[in-house]
Amino acid sequence: MTENQIAATILDIAFPLHKTLGPGLLETVYEQTLAYDLNEIGINAVTQVPVPLIYKEIKFEAGYRLDLLVENKVIVEVKSTENLAPVHFAQTLTYLRLADKRLGLLINFNSKFLKDGIHRIVNRL
């Protein structure tokens, strides 16, 4: 599957999940349920994937973790906040660069309409 196909599948799962659970829960709830639903249909989704920071020849285990890595290609950053801040977009892009991935989805489940909380972030590699 391409990154775009994976992203479409993620969103196909996210919309009914949001409709069922609604906004206002903890990020971990959305993260775990999204991963569960993706794995149920045969899409590999792993939560809390460690991402090391490599600076020059030094590798730091700095505690950075991807909320979801889907099919080892698409990063999903899950938020449940009143409003997304510029730092959320920057964080997602930085994770894409550190993990050497091309596409990320920043999804804020604390939106009345989930479509308003979905943002594609592209790493131009």
PDB file of N, CA and C in Angstrom:
ATOM      1  N   MET A   1       0.835  -1.193   0.000  1.00  0.00           N
ATOM      2  CA  MET A   1       0.000   0.000   0.000  1.00  0.00           C
ATOM      3  C   MET A   1       0.875   1.249   0.000  1.00  0.00           C
ATOM      4  N   THR A   2       0.429   2.264  -0.686  1.00  0.00           N
ATOM      5  CA  THR A   2       1.145   3.538  -0.679  1.00  0.00           C
ATOM      6  C   THR A   2       0.786   4.316   0.593  1.00  0.00           C
ATOM      7  N   GLU A   3       1.544   5.340   0.865  1.00  0.00           N
ATOM      8  CA  GLU A   3       1.255   6.194   2.016  1.00  0.00           C
ATOM      9  C   GLU A   3      -0.149   6.778   1.929  1.00  0.00           C
ATOM     10  N   ASN A   4      -0.545   7.211   0.729  1.00  0.00           N
ATOM     11  CA  ASN A   4      -1.875   7.807   0.571  1.00  0.00           C
ATOM     12  C   ASN A   4      -2.983   6.788   0.803  1.00  0.00           C
ATOM     13  N   GLN A   5      -2.790   5.556   0.352  1.00  0.00           N
ATOM     14  CA  GLN A   5      -3.782   4.506   0.590  1.00  0.00           C
ATOM     15  C   GLN A   5      -3.886   4.190   2.085  1.00  0.00           C
ATOM     16  N   ILE A   6      -2.745   4.143   2.740  1.00  0.00           N
ATOM     17  CA  ILE A   6      -2.730   3.890   4.190  1.00  0.00           C
ATOM     18  C   ILE A   6      -3.450   5.020   4.920  1.00  0.00           C
ATOM     19  N   ALA A   7      -3.145   6.268   4.537  1.00  0.00           N
ATOM     20  CA  ALA A   7      -3.791   7.426   5.167  1.00  0.00           C
ATOM     21  C   ALA A   7      -5.304   7.377   4.976  1.00  0.00           C
ATOM     22  N   ALA A   8      -5.753   7.008   3.788  1.00  0.00           N
ATOM     23  CA  ALA A   8      -7.192   6.903   3.532  1.00  0.00           C
ATOM     24  C   ALA A   8      -7.830   5.841   4.422  1.00  0.00           C
ATOM     25  N   THR A   9      -7.150   4.724   4.605  1.00  0.00           N
ATOM     26  CA  THR A   9      -7.653   3.660   5.473  1.00  0.00           C
ATOM     27  C   THR A   9      -7.716   4.126   6.922  1.00  0.00           C
ATOM     28  N   ILE A  10      -6.692   4.828   7.360  1.00  0.00           N
ATOM     29  CA  ILE A  10      -6.673   5.366   8.732  1.00  0.00           C
ATOM     30  C   ILE A  10      -7.887   6.262   8.951  1.00  0.00           C
ATOM     31  N   LEU A  11      -8.147   7.136   7.996  1.00  0.00           N
ATOM     32  CA  LEU A  11      -9.279   8.056   8.133  1.00  0.00           C
ATOM     33  C   LEU A  11     -10.614   7.324   8.056  1.00  0.00           C
ATOM     34  N   ASP A  12     -10.678   6.277   7.226  1.00  0.00           N
ATOM     35  CA  ASP A  12     -11.899   5.465   7.163  1.00  0.00           C
ATOM     36  C   ASP A  12     -12.213   4.838   8.520  1.00  0.00           C
ATOM     37  N   ILE A  13     -11.195   4.561   9.304  1.00  0.00           N
ATOM     38  CA  ILE A  13     -11.370   4.001  10.653  1.00  0.00           C
ATOM     39  C   ILE A  13     -11.628   5.126  11.667  1.00  0.00           C
ATOM     40  N   ALA A  14     -10.933   6.250  11.504  1.00  0.00           N
ATOM     41  CA  ALA A  14     -11.011   7.342  12.486  1.00  0.00           C
ATOM     42  C   ALA A  14     -12.400   7.980  12.560  1.00  0.00           C
ATOM     43  N   PHE A  15     -13.059   8.126  11.421  1.00  0.00           N
ATOM     44  CA  PHE A  15     -14.371   8.787  11.430  1.00  0.00           C
ATOM     45  C   PHE A  15     -15.414   8.029  12.249  1.00  0.00           C
ATOM     46  N   PRO A  16     -15.629   6.730  12.012  1.00  0.00           N
ATOM     47  CA  PRO A  16     -16.611   6.036  12.848  1.00  0.00           C
ATOM     48  C   PRO A  16     -16.159   5.908  14.310  1.00  0.00           C
ATOM     49  N   LEU A  17     -14.846   5.823  14.530  1.00  0.00           N
ATOM     50  CA  LEU A  17     -14.336   5.781  15.902  1.00  0.00           C
ATOM     51  C   LEU A  17     -14.731   7.067  16.635  1.00  0.00           C
ATOM     52  N   HIS A  18     -14.525   8.210  15.979  1.00  0.00           N
ATOM     53  CA  HIS A  18     -14.873   9.494  16.575  1.00  0.00           C
ATOM     54  C   HIS A  18     -16.382   9.605  16.788  1.00  0.00           C
ATOM     55  N   LYS A  19     -17.148   9.098  15.843  1.00  0.00           N
ATOM     56  CA  LYS A  19     -18.603   9.148  15.971  1.00  0.00           C
ATOM     57  C   LYS A  19     -19.065   8.313  17.171  1.00  0.00           C
ATOM     58  N   THR A  20     -18.423   7.182  17.389  1.00  0.00           N
ATOM     59  CA  THR A  20     -18.789   6.300  18.496  1.00  0.00           C
ATOM     60  C   THR A  20     -18.351   6.861  19.844  1.00  0.00           C
ATOM     61  N   LEU A  21     -17.091   7.297  19.942  1.00  0.00           N
ATOM     62  CA  LEU A  21     -16.550   7.745  21.228  1.00  0.00           C
ATOM     63  C   LEU A  21     -16.822   9.213  21.514  1.00  0.00           C
ATOM     64  N   GLY A  22     -16.893  10.030  20.470  1.00  0.00           N
ATOM     65  CA  GLY A  22     -17.069  11.461  20.655  1.00  0.00           C
ATOM     66  C   GLY A  22     -15.788  12.141  21.084  1.00  0.00           C
ATOM     67  N   PRO A  23     -15.805  13.469  21.170  1.00  0.00           N
ATOM     68  CA  PRO A  23     -14.623  14.217  21.598  1.00  0.00           C
ATOM     69  C   PRO A  23     -14.490  14.212  23.117  1.00  0.00           C
ATOM     70  N   GLY A  24     -13.302  14.615  23.586  1.00  0.00           N
ATOM     71  CA  GLY A  24     -13.123  14.875  25.008  1.00  0.00           C
ATOM     72  C   GLY A  24     -12.452  13.794  25.828  1.00  0.00           C
ATOM     73  N   LEU A  25     -12.090  12.671  25.218  1.00  0.00           N
ATOM     74  CA  LEU A  25     -11.397  11.620  25.966  1.00  0.00           C
ATOM     75  C   LEU A  25      -9.892  11.853  25.930  1.00  0.00           C
ATOM     76  N   LEU A  26      -9.163  11.060  26.680  1.00  0.00           N
ATOM     77  CA  LEU A  26      -7.707  11.162  26.681  1.00  0.00           C
ATOM     78  C   LEU A  26      -7.133  10.700  25.343  1.00  0.00           C
ATOM     79  N   GLU A  27      -5.992  11.265  24.977  1.00  0.00           N
ATOM     80  CA  GLU A  27      -5.333  10.897  23.732  1.00  0.00           C
ATOM     81  C   GLU A  27      -5.061   9.401  23.656  1.00  0.00           C
ATOM     82  N   THR A  28      -4.672   8.810  24.773  1.00  0.00           N
ATOM     83  CA  THR A  28      -4.331   7.389  24.775  1.00  0.00           C
ATOM     84  C   THR A  28      -5.525   6.520  24.392  1.00  0.00           C
ATOM     85  N   VAL A  29      -6.733   6.942  24.720  1.00  0.00           N
ATOM     86  CA  VAL A  29      -7.922   6.188  24.355  1.00  0.00           C
ATOM     87  C   VAL A  29      -8.062   6.146  22.837  1.00  0.00           C
ATOM     88  N   TYR A  30      -7.937   7.300  22.195  1.00  0.00           N
ATOM     89  CA  TYR A  30      -8.050   7.362  20.739  1.00  0.00           C
ATOM     90  C   TYR A  30      -6.896   6.601  20.070  1.00  0.00           C
ATOM     91  N   GLU A  31      -5.713   6.745  20.615  1.00  0.00           N
ATOM     92  CA  GLU A  31      -4.531   6.073  20.084  1.00  0.00           C
ATOM     93  C   GLU A  31      -4.716   4.548  20.110  1.00  0.00           C
ATOM     94  N   GLN A  32      -5.114   4.035  21.268  1.00  0.00           N
ATOM     95  CA  GLN A  32      -5.260   2.588  21.422  1.00  0.00           C
ATOM     96  C   GLN A  32      -6.422   2.030  20.592  1.00  0.00           C
ATOM     97  N   THR A  33      -7.536   2.740  20.572  1.00  0.00           N
ATOM     98  CA  THR A  33      -8.688   2.239  19.820  1.00  0.00           C
ATOM     99  C   THR A  33      -8.447   2.315  18.314  1.00  0.00           C
ATOM    100  N   LEU A  34      -7.768   3.353  17.864  1.00  0.00           N
ATOM    101  CA  LEU A  34      -7.435   3.462  16.446  1.00  0.00           C
ATOM    102  C   LEU A  34      -6.506   2.325  16.041  1.00  0.00           C
ATOM    103  N   ALA A  35      -5.494   2.064  16.850  1.00  0.00           N
ATOM    104  CA  ALA A  35      -4.576   0.955  16.570  1.00  0.00           C
ATOM    105  C   ALA A  35      -5.320  -0.377  16.568  1.00  0.00           C
ATOM    106  N   TYR A  36      -6.185  -0.559  17.534  1.00  0.00           N
ATOM    107  CA  TYR A  36      -6.956  -1.804  17.614  1.00  0.00           C
ATOM    108  C   TYR A  36      -7.788  -2.016  16.350  1.00  0.00           C
ATOM    109  N   ASP A  37      -8.526  -0.984  15.953  1.00  0.00           N
ATOM    110  CA  ASP A  37      -9.383  -1.104  14.772  1.00  0.00           C
ATOM    111  C   ASP A  37      -8.574  -1.345  13.494  1.00  0.00           C
ATOM    112  N   LEU A  38      -7.420  -0.695  13.374  1.00  0.00           N
ATOM    113  CA  LEU A  38      -6.571  -0.913  12.201  1.00  0.00           C
ATOM    114  C   LEU A  38      -6.037  -2.342  12.181  1.00  0.00           C
ATOM    115  N   ASN A  39      -5.554  -2.817  13.316  1.00  0.00           N
ATOM    116  CA  ASN A  39      -5.043  -4.188  13.386  1.00  0.00           C
ATOM    117  C   ASN A  39      -6.141  -5.208  13.110  1.00  0.00           C
ATOM    118  N   GLU A  40      -7.365  -4.890  13.520  1.00  0.00           N
ATOM    119  CA  GLU A  40      -8.499  -5.793  13.283  1.00  0.00           C
ATOM    120  C   GLU A  40      -8.753  -6.036  11.795  1.00  0.00           C
ATOM    121  N   ILE A  41      -8.452  -5.055  10.962  1.00  0.00           N
ATOM    122  CA  ILE A  41      -8.674  -5.226   9.517  1.00  0.00           C
ATOM    123  C   ILE A  41      -7.383  -5.609   8.777  1.00  0.00           C
ATOM    124  N   GLY A  42      -6.358  -5.972   9.533  1.00  0.00           N
ATOM    125  CA  GLY A  42      -5.124  -6.456   8.929  1.00  0.00           C
ATOM    126  C   GLY A  42      -4.103  -5.393   8.585  1.00  0.00           C
ATOM    127  N   ILE A  43      -4.292  -4.195   9.107  1.00  0.00           N
ATOM    128  CA  ILE A  43      -3.330  -3.107   8.896  1.00  0.00           C
ATOM    129  C   ILE A  43      -2.439  -3.031  10.139  1.00  0.00           C
ATOM    130  N   ASN A  44      -1.137  -3.157   9.936  1.00  0.00           N
ATOM    131  CA  ASN A  44      -0.199  -3.144  11.058  1.00  0.00           C
ATOM    132  C   ASN A  44      -0.086  -1.739  11.645  1.00  0.00           C
ATOM    133  N   ALA A  45      -0.513  -1.589  12.888  1.00  0.00           N
ATOM    134  CA  ALA A  45      -0.430  -0.304  13.593  1.00  0.00           C
ATOM    135  C   ALA A  45       0.202  -0.555  14.951  1.00  0.00           C
ATOM    136  N   VAL A  46       1.313   0.132  15.209  1.00  0.00           N
ATOM    137  CA  VAL A  46       2.054  -0.030  16.454  1.00  0.00           C
ATOM    138  C   VAL A  46       2.023   1.292  17.207  1.00  0.00           C
ATOM    139  N   THR A  47       1.762   1.228  18.508  1.00  0.00           N
ATOM    140  CA  THR A  47       1.695   2.442  19.325  1.00  0.00           C
ATOM    141  C   THR A  47       3.000   2.665  20.079  1.00  0.00           C
ATOM    142  N   GLN A  48       3.230   3.929  20.410  1.00  0.00           N
ATOM    143  CA  GLN A  48       4.355   4.353  21.236  1.00  0.00           C
ATOM    144  C   GLN A  48       5.697   3.807  20.740  1.00  0.00           C
ATOM    145  N   VAL A  49       5.967   4.056  19.462  1.00  0.00           N
ATOM    146  CA  VAL A  49       7.193   3.584  18.823  1.00  0.00           C
ATOM    147  C   VAL A  49       8.337   4.536  19.175  1.00  0.00           C
ATOM    148  N   PRO A  50       9.405   4.016  19.807  1.00  0.00           N
ATOM    149  CA  PRO A  50      10.531   4.888  20.158  1.00  0.00           C
ATOM    150  C   PRO A  50      11.265   5.394  18.916  1.00  0.00           C
ATOM    151  N   VAL A  51      11.654   6.654  18.975  1.00  0.00           N
ATOM    152  CA  VAL A  51      12.416   7.266  17.888  1.00  0.00           C
ATOM    153  C   VAL A  51      13.680   7.877  18.487  1.00  0.00           C
ATOM    154  N   PRO A  52      14.833   7.307  18.156  1.00  0.00           N
ATOM    155  CA  PRO A  52      16.065   7.883  18.694  1.00  0.00           C
ATOM    156  C   PRO A  52      16.421   9.184  17.971  1.00  0.00           C
ATOM    157  N   LEU A  53      17.136  10.015  18.657  1.00  0.00           N
ATOM    158  CA  LEU A  53      17.648  11.252  18.075  1.00  0.00           C
ATOM    159  C   LEU A  53      19.132  11.037  17.817  1.00  0.00           C
ATOM    160  N   ILE A  54      19.546  11.187  16.567  1.00  0.00           N
ATOM    161  CA  ILE A  54      20.953  11.013  16.230  1.00  0.00           C
ATOM    162  C   ILE A  54      21.514  12.374  15.852  1.00  0.00           C
ATOM    163  N   TYR A  55      22.501  12.787  16.603  1.00  0.00           N
ATOM    164  CA  TYR A  55      23.169  14.066  16.363  1.00  0.00           C
ATOM    165  C   TYR A  55      24.640  13.773  16.135  1.00  0.00           C
ATOM    166  N   LYS A  56      25.100  14.087  14.933  1.00  0.00           N
ATOM    167  CA  LYS A  56      26.452  13.735  14.491  1.00  0.00           C
ATOM    168  C   LYS A  56      26.609  12.228  14.680  1.00  0.00           C
ATOM    169  N   GLU A  57      27.551  11.771  15.481  1.00  0.00           N
ATOM    170  CA  GLU A  57      27.702  10.325  15.658  1.00  0.00           C
ATOM    171  C   GLU A  57      27.112   9.829  16.978  1.00  0.00           C
ATOM    172  N   ILE A  58      26.400  10.702  17.682  1.00  0.00           N
ATOM    173  CA  ILE A  58      25.839  10.349  18.986  1.00  0.00           C
ATOM    174  C   ILE A  58      24.362   9.996  18.835  1.00  0.00           C
ATOM    175  N   LYS A  59      24.000   8.865  19.396  1.00  0.00           N
ATOM    176  CA  LYS A  59      22.600   8.437  19.377  1.00  0.00           C
ATOM    177  C   LYS A  59      22.020   8.639  20.771  1.00  0.00           C
ATOM    178  N   PHE A  60      20.984   9.476  20.839  1.00  0.00           N
ATOM    179  CA  PHE A  60      20.324   9.764  22.113  1.00  0.00           C
ATOM    180  C   PHE A  60      19.011   8.991  22.186  1.00  0.00           C
ATOM    181  N   GLU A  61      18.803   8.313  23.262  1.00  0.00           N
ATOM    182  CA  GLU A  61      17.497   7.712  23.534  1.00  0.00           C
ATOM    183  C   GLU A  61      16.730   8.746  24.351  1.00  0.00           C
ATOM    184  N   ALA A  62      16.205   9.757  23.672  1.00  0.00           N
ATOM    185  CA  ALA A  62      15.649  10.931  24.336  1.00  0.00           C
ATOM    186  C   ALA A  62      14.201  10.751  24.781  1.00  0.00           C
ATOM    187  N   GLY A  63      13.630   9.601  24.538  1.00  0.00           N
ATOM    188  CA  GLY A  63      12.254   9.381  24.978  1.00  0.00           C
ATOM    189  C   GLY A  63      11.199   9.849  24.000  1.00  0.00           C
ATOM    190  N   TYR A  64      11.603  10.155  22.773  1.00  0.00           N
ATOM    191  CA  TYR A  64      10.606  10.534  21.773  1.00  0.00           C
ATOM    192  C   TYR A  64       9.864   9.283  21.320  1.00  0.00           C
ATOM    193  N   ARG A  65       8.548   9.395  21.231  1.00  0.00           N
ATOM    194  CA  ARG A  65       7.733   8.252  20.832  1.00  0.00           C
ATOM    195  C   ARG A  65       6.654   8.698  19.852  1.00  0.00           C
ATOM    196  N   LEU A  66       6.513   7.921  18.800  1.00  0.00           N
ATOM    197  CA  LEU A  66       5.432   8.154  17.849  1.00  0.00           C
ATOM    198  C   LEU A  66       4.162   7.582  18.451  1.00  0.00           C
ATOM    199  N   ASP A  67       3.065   8.320  18.365  1.00  0.00           N
ATOM    200  CA  ASP A  67       1.804   7.783  18.873  1.00  0.00           C
ATOM    201  C   ASP A  67       1.437   6.505  18.123  1.00  0.00           C
ATOM    202  N   LEU A  68       1.481   6.570  16.801  1.00  0.00           N
ATOM    203  CA  LEU A  68       1.146   5.406  15.968  1.00  0.00           C
ATOM    204  C   LEU A  68       2.039   5.390  14.740  1.00  0.00           C
ATOM    205  N   LEU A  69       2.534   4.215  14.419  1.00  0.00           N
ATOM    206  CA  LEU A  69       3.221   4.007  13.153  1.00  0.00           C
ATOM    207  C   LEU A  69       2.429   2.929  12.421  1.00  0.00           C
ATOM    208  N   VAL A  70       1.924   3.274  11.246  1.00  0.00           N
ATOM    209  CA  VAL A  70       1.024   2.391  10.507  1.00  0.00           C
ATOM    210  C   VAL A  70       1.741   1.859   9.263  1.00  0.00           C
ATOM    211  N   GLU A  71       1.788   0.532   9.180  1.00  0.00           N
ATOM    212  CA  GLU A  71       2.427  -0.163   8.067  1.00  0.00           C
ATOM    213  C   GLU A  71       3.877   0.307   7.867  1.00  0.00           C
ATOM    214  N   ASN A  72       4.494   0.749   8.936  1.00  0.00           N
ATOM    215  CA  ASN A  72       5.876   1.239   8.921  1.00  0.00           C
ATOM    216  C   ASN A  72       6.087   2.357   7.897  1.00  0.00           C
ATOM    217  N   LYS A  73       5.002   3.069   7.558  1.00  0.00           N
ATOM    218  CA  LYS A  73       5.090   4.128   6.548  1.00  0.00           C
ATOM    219  C   LYS A  73       4.470   5.447   6.980  1.00  0.00           C
ATOM    220  N   VAL A  74       3.370   5.415   7.720  1.00  0.00           N
ATOM    221  CA  VAL A  74       2.627   6.634   8.046  1.00  0.00           C
ATOM    222  C   VAL A  74       2.620   6.834   9.557  1.00  0.00           C
ATOM    223  N   ILE A  75       3.000   8.026   9.966  1.00  0.00           N
ATOM    224  CA  ILE A  75       2.985   8.398  11.385  1.00  0.00           C
ATOM    225  C   ILE A  75       1.660   9.091  11.676  1.00  0.00           C
ATOM    226  N   VAL A  76       1.035   8.703  12.776  1.00  0.00           N
ATOM    227  CA  VAL A  76      -0.184   9.368  13.224  1.00  0.00           C
ATOM    228  C   VAL A  76       0.098   9.964  14.600  1.00  0.00           C
ATOM    229  N   GLU A  77      -0.022  11.266  14.695  1.00  0.00           N
ATOM    230  CA  GLU A  77       0.075  11.946  15.982  1.00  0.00           C
ATOM    231  C   GLU A  77      -1.338  12.242  16.442  1.00  0.00           C
ATOM    232  N   VAL A  78      -1.700  11.707  17.581  1.00  0.00           N
ATOM    233  CA  VAL A  78      -3.049  11.824  18.120  1.00  0.00           C
ATOM    234  C   VAL A  78      -3.077  12.916  19.167  1.00  0.00           C
ATOM    235  N   LYS A  79      -4.016  13.831  19.033  1.00  0.00           N
ATOM    236  CA  LYS A  79      -4.213  14.895  20.011  1.00  0.00           C
ATOM    237  C   LYS A  79      -5.664  14.903  20.459  1.00  0.00           C
ATOM    238  N   SER A  80      -5.876  15.424  21.645  1.00  0.00           N
ATOM    239  CA  SER A  80      -7.219  15.654  22.164  1.00  0.00           C
ATOM    240  C   SER A  80      -7.154  16.950  22.957  1.00  0.00           C
ATOM    241  N   THR A  81      -7.127  18.028  22.216  1.00  0.00           N
ATOM    242  CA  THR A  81      -6.909  19.341  22.809  1.00  0.00           C
ATOM    243  C   THR A  81      -7.910  20.346  22.243  1.00  0.00           C
ATOM    244  N   GLU A  82      -8.120  21.418  22.974  1.00  0.00           N
ATOM    245  CA  GLU A  82      -9.057  22.460  22.544  1.00  0.00           C
ATOM    246  C   GLU A  82      -8.698  22.988  21.156  1.00  0.00           C
ATOM    247  N   ASN A  83      -7.421  23.327  20.984  1.00  0.00           N
ATOM    248  CA  ASN A  83      -6.929  23.846  19.699  1.00  0.00           C
ATOM    249  C   ASN A  83      -5.529  23.314  19.459  1.00  0.00           C
ATOM    250  N   LEU A  84      -5.229  23.023  18.207  1.00  0.00           N
ATOM    251  CA  LEU A  84      -3.865  22.656  17.865  1.00  0.00           C
ATOM    252  C   LEU A  84      -3.017  23.918  17.815  1.00  0.00           C
ATOM    253  N   ALA A  85      -1.796  23.792  18.289  1.00  0.00           N
ATOM    254  CA  ALA A  85      -0.850  24.907  18.285  1.00  0.00           C
ATOM    255  C   ALA A  85       0.202  24.658  17.209  1.00  0.00           C
ATOM    256  N   PRO A  86       0.906  25.687  16.771  1.00  0.00           N
ATOM    257  CA  PRO A  86       1.961  25.491  15.779  1.00  0.00           C
ATOM    258  C   PRO A  86       2.983  24.426  16.187  1.00  0.00           C
ATOM    259  N   VAL A  87       3.227  24.293  17.476  1.00  0.00           N
ATOM    260  CA  VAL A  87       4.192  23.293  17.935  1.00  0.00           C
ATOM    261  C   VAL A  87       3.742  21.869  17.605  1.00  0.00           C
ATOM    262  N   HIS A  88       2.445  21.614  17.549  1.00  0.00           N
ATOM    263  CA  HIS A  88       1.956  20.274  17.203  1.00  0.00           C
ATOM    264  C   HIS A  88       2.313  19.917  15.758  1.00  0.00           C
ATOM    265  N   PHE A  89       2.212  20.889  14.873  1.00  0.00           N
ATOM    266  CA  PHE A  89       2.573  20.674  13.475  1.00  0.00           C
ATOM    267  C   PHE A  89       4.087  20.480  13.344  1.00  0.00           C
ATOM    268  N   ALA A  90       4.848  21.312  14.057  1.00  0.00           N
ATOM    269  CA  ALA A  90       6.306  21.210  14.028  1.00  0.00           C
ATOM    270  C   ALA A  90       6.766  19.869  14.603  1.00  0.00           C
ATOM    271  N   GLN A  91       6.136  19.433  15.673  1.00  0.00           N
ATOM    272  CA  GLN A  91       6.480  18.158  16.297  1.00  0.00           C
ATOM    273  C   GLN A  91       6.255  17.005  15.316  1.00  0.00           C
ATOM    274  N   THR A  92       5.133  17.018  14.632  1.00  0.00           N
ATOM    275  CA  THR A  92       4.828  15.949  13.679  1.00  0.00           C
ATOM    276  C   THR A  92       5.846  15.931  12.547  1.00  0.00           C
ATOM    277  N   LEU A  93       6.194  17.085  12.021  1.00  0.00           N
ATOM    278  CA  LEU A  93       7.188  17.160  10.961  1.00  0.00           C
ATOM    279  C   LEU A  93       8.558  16.682  11.452  1.00  0.00           C
ATOM    280  N   THR A  94       8.918  17.058  12.655  1.00  0.00           N
ATOM    281  CA  THR A  94      10.191  16.610  13.226  1.00  0.00           C
ATOM    282  C   THR A  94      10.207  15.099  13.387  1.00  0.00           C
ATOM    283  N   TYR A  95       9.112  14.519  13.849  1.00  0.00           N
ATOM    284  CA  TYR A  95       9.024  13.065  13.964  1.00  0.00           C
ATOM    285  C   TYR A  95       9.173  12.402  12.601  1.00  0.00           C
ATOM    286  N   LEU A  96       8.562  12.974  11.576  1.00  0.00           N
ATOM    287  CA  LEU A  96       8.713  12.429  10.221  1.00  0.00           C
ATOM    288  C   LEU A  96      10.182  12.437   9.803  1.00  0.00           C
ATOM    289  N   ARG A  97      10.857  13.520  10.082  1.00  0.00           N
ATOM    290  CA  ARG A  97      12.277  13.626   9.708  1.00  0.00           C
ATOM    291  C   ARG A  97      13.134  12.648  10.498  1.00  0.00           C
ATOM    292  N   LEU A  98      12.923  12.580  11.815  1.00  0.00           N
ATOM    293  CA  LEU A  98      13.717  11.676  12.648  1.00  0.00           C
ATOM    294  C   LEU A  98      13.502  10.217  12.271  1.00  0.00           C
ATOM    295  N   ALA A  99      12.271   9.870  11.913  1.00  0.00           N
ATOM    296  CA  ALA A  99      11.939   8.486  11.570  1.00  0.00           C
ATOM    297  C   ALA A  99      12.131   8.188  10.084  1.00  0.00           C
ATOM    298  N   ASP A 100      12.499   9.208   9.309  1.00  0.00           N
ATOM    299  CA  ASP A 100      12.701   9.072   7.869  1.00  0.00           C
ATOM    300  C   ASP A 100      11.450   8.544   7.169  1.00  0.00           C
ATOM    301  N   LYS A 101      10.319   9.159   7.507  1.00  0.00           N
ATOM    302  CA  LYS A 101       9.033   8.808   6.897  1.00  0.00           C
ATOM    303  C   LYS A 101       8.539  10.000   6.097  1.00  0.00           C
ATOM    304  N   ARG A 102       7.665   9.733   5.137  1.00  0.00           N
ATOM    305  CA  ARG A 102       7.208  10.770   4.218  1.00  0.00           C
ATOM    306  C   ARG A 102       5.899  11.438   4.643  1.00  0.00           C
ATOM    307  N   LEU A 103       4.954  10.655   5.231  1.00  0.00           N
ATOM    308  CA  LEU A 103       3.618  11.191   5.486  1.00  0.00           C
ATOM    309  C   LEU A 103       3.204  11.016   6.936  1.00  0.00           C
ATOM    310  N   GLY A 104       2.632  12.069   7.478  1.00  0.00           N
ATOM    311  CA  GLY A 104       2.079  12.009   8.829  1.00  0.00           C
ATOM    312  C   GLY A 104       0.677  12.582   8.852  1.00  0.00           C
ATOM    313  N   LEU A 105      -0.125  12.075   9.761  1.00  0.00           N
ATOM    314  CA  LEU A 105      -1.451  12.631  10.018  1.00  0.00           C
ATOM    315  C   LEU A 105      -1.465  13.151  11.439  1.00  0.00           C
ATOM    316  N   LEU A 106      -1.829  14.393  11.591  1.00  0.00           N
ATOM    317  CA  LEU A 106      -2.040  14.999  12.897  1.00  0.00           C
ATOM    318  C   LEU A 106      -3.545  15.059  13.085  1.00  0.00           C
ATOM    319  N   ILE A 107      -4.053  14.287  14.046  1.00  0.00           N
ATOM    320  CA  ILE A 107      -5.501  14.183  14.219  1.00  0.00           C
ATOM    321  C   ILE A 107      -5.874  14.646  15.619  1.00  0.00           C
ATOM    322  N   ASN A 108      -6.697  15.688  15.678  1.00  0.00           N
ATOM    323  CA  ASN A 108      -7.215  16.180  16.951  1.00  0.00           C
ATOM    324  C   ASN A 108      -8.631  15.636  17.136  1.00  0.00           C
ATOM    325  N   PHE A 109      -8.750  14.631  18.013  1.00  0.00           N
ATOM    326  CA  PHE A 109     -10.044  14.001  18.245  1.00  0.00           C
ATOM    327  C   PHE A 109     -10.969  14.860  19.111  1.00  0.00           C
ATOM    328  N   ASN A 110     -10.465  15.953  19.645  1.00  0.00           N
ATOM    329  CA  ASN A 110     -11.305  16.830  20.460  1.00  0.00           C
ATOM    330  C   ASN A 110     -11.957  17.905  19.588  1.00  0.00           C
ATOM    331  N   SER A 111     -12.395  17.502  18.412  1.00  0.00           N
ATOM    332  CA  SER A 111     -13.089  18.390  17.490  1.00  0.00           C
ATOM    333  C   SER A 111     -14.536  17.941  17.396  1.00  0.00           C
ATOM    334  N   LYS A 112     -15.441  18.894  17.314  1.00  0.00           N
ATOM    335  CA  LYS A 112     -16.846  18.539  17.167  1.00  0.00           C
ATOM    336  C   LYS A 112     -17.044  17.729  15.887  1.00  0.00           C
ATOM    337  N   PHE A 113     -16.411  18.186  14.808  1.00  0.00           N
ATOM    338  CA  PHE A 113     -16.420  17.473  13.539  1.00  0.00           C
ATOM    339  C   PHE A 113     -14.986  17.046  13.251  1.00  0.00           C
ATOM    340  N   LEU A 114     -14.764  15.745  13.194  1.00  0.00           N
ATOM    341  CA  LEU A 114     -13.397  15.240  13.050  1.00  0.00           C
ATOM    342  C   LEU A 114     -12.695  15.805  11.821  1.00  0.00           C
ATOM    343  N   LYS A 115     -13.434  16.045  10.745  1.00  0.00           N
ATOM    344  CA  LYS A 115     -12.810  16.576   9.519  1.00  0.00           C
ATOM    345  C   LYS A 115     -12.054  17.877   9.804  1.00  0.00           C
ATOM    346  N   ASP A 116     -12.498  18.632  10.805  1.00  0.00           N
ATOM    347  CA  ASP A 116     -11.825  19.885  11.158  1.00  0.00           C
ATOM    348  C   ASP A 116     -10.538  19.645  11.950  1.00  0.00           C
ATOM    349  N   GLY A 117     -10.350  18.433  12.448  1.00  0.00           N
ATOM    350  CA  GLY A 117      -9.179  18.127  13.265  1.00  0.00           C
ATOM    351  C   GLY A 117      -8.121  17.305  12.555  1.00  0.00           C
ATOM    352  N   ILE A 118      -8.260  17.105  11.245  1.00  0.00           N
ATOM    353  CA  ILE A 118      -7.330  16.268  10.495  1.00  0.00           C
ATOM    354  C   ILE A 118      -6.392  17.126   9.653  1.00  0.00           C
ATOM    355  N   HIS A 119      -5.097  16.853   9.782  1.00  0.00           N
ATOM    356  CA  HIS A 119      -4.099  17.594   9.022  1.00  0.00           C
ATOM    357  C   HIS A 119      -3.048  16.631   8.489  1.00  0.00           C
ATOM    358  N   ARG A 120      -2.767  16.738   7.191  1.00  0.00           N
ATOM    359  CA  ARG A 120      -1.700  15.955   6.561  1.00  0.00           C
ATOM    360  C   ARG A 120      -0.406  16.758   6.656  1.00  0.00           C
ATOM    361  N   ILE A 121       0.646  16.086   7.075  1.00  0.00           N
ATOM    362  CA  ILE A 121       1.960  16.709   7.155  1.00  0.00           C
ATOM    363  C   ILE A 121       2.884  15.883   6.268  1.00  0.00           C
ATOM    364  N   VAL A 122       3.579  16.547   5.346  1.00  0.00           N
ATOM    365  CA  VAL A 122       4.432  15.851   4.401  1.00  0.00           C
ATOM    366  C   VAL A 122       5.898  16.247   4.627  1.00  0.00           C
ATOM    367  N   ASN A 123       6.734  15.238   4.722  1.00  0.00           N
ATOM    368  CA  ASN A 123       8.180  15.422   4.807  1.00  0.00           C
ATOM    369  C   ASN A 123       8.724  15.292   3.391  1.00  0.00           C
ATOM    370  N   ARG A 124       9.282  16.323   2.882  1.00  0.00           N
ATOM    371  CA  ARG A 124       9.757  16.338   1.488  1.00  0.00           C
ATOM    372  C   ARG A 124      11.041  15.546   1.301  1.00  0.00           C
ATOM    373  N   LEU A 125      11.523  14.893   2.361  1.00  0.00           N
ATOM    374  CA  LEU A 125      12.757  14.091   2.325  1.00  0.00           C
ATOM    375  C   LEU A 125      13.757  14.820   1.489  1.00  0.00           C
TER     376      LEU A 125
END
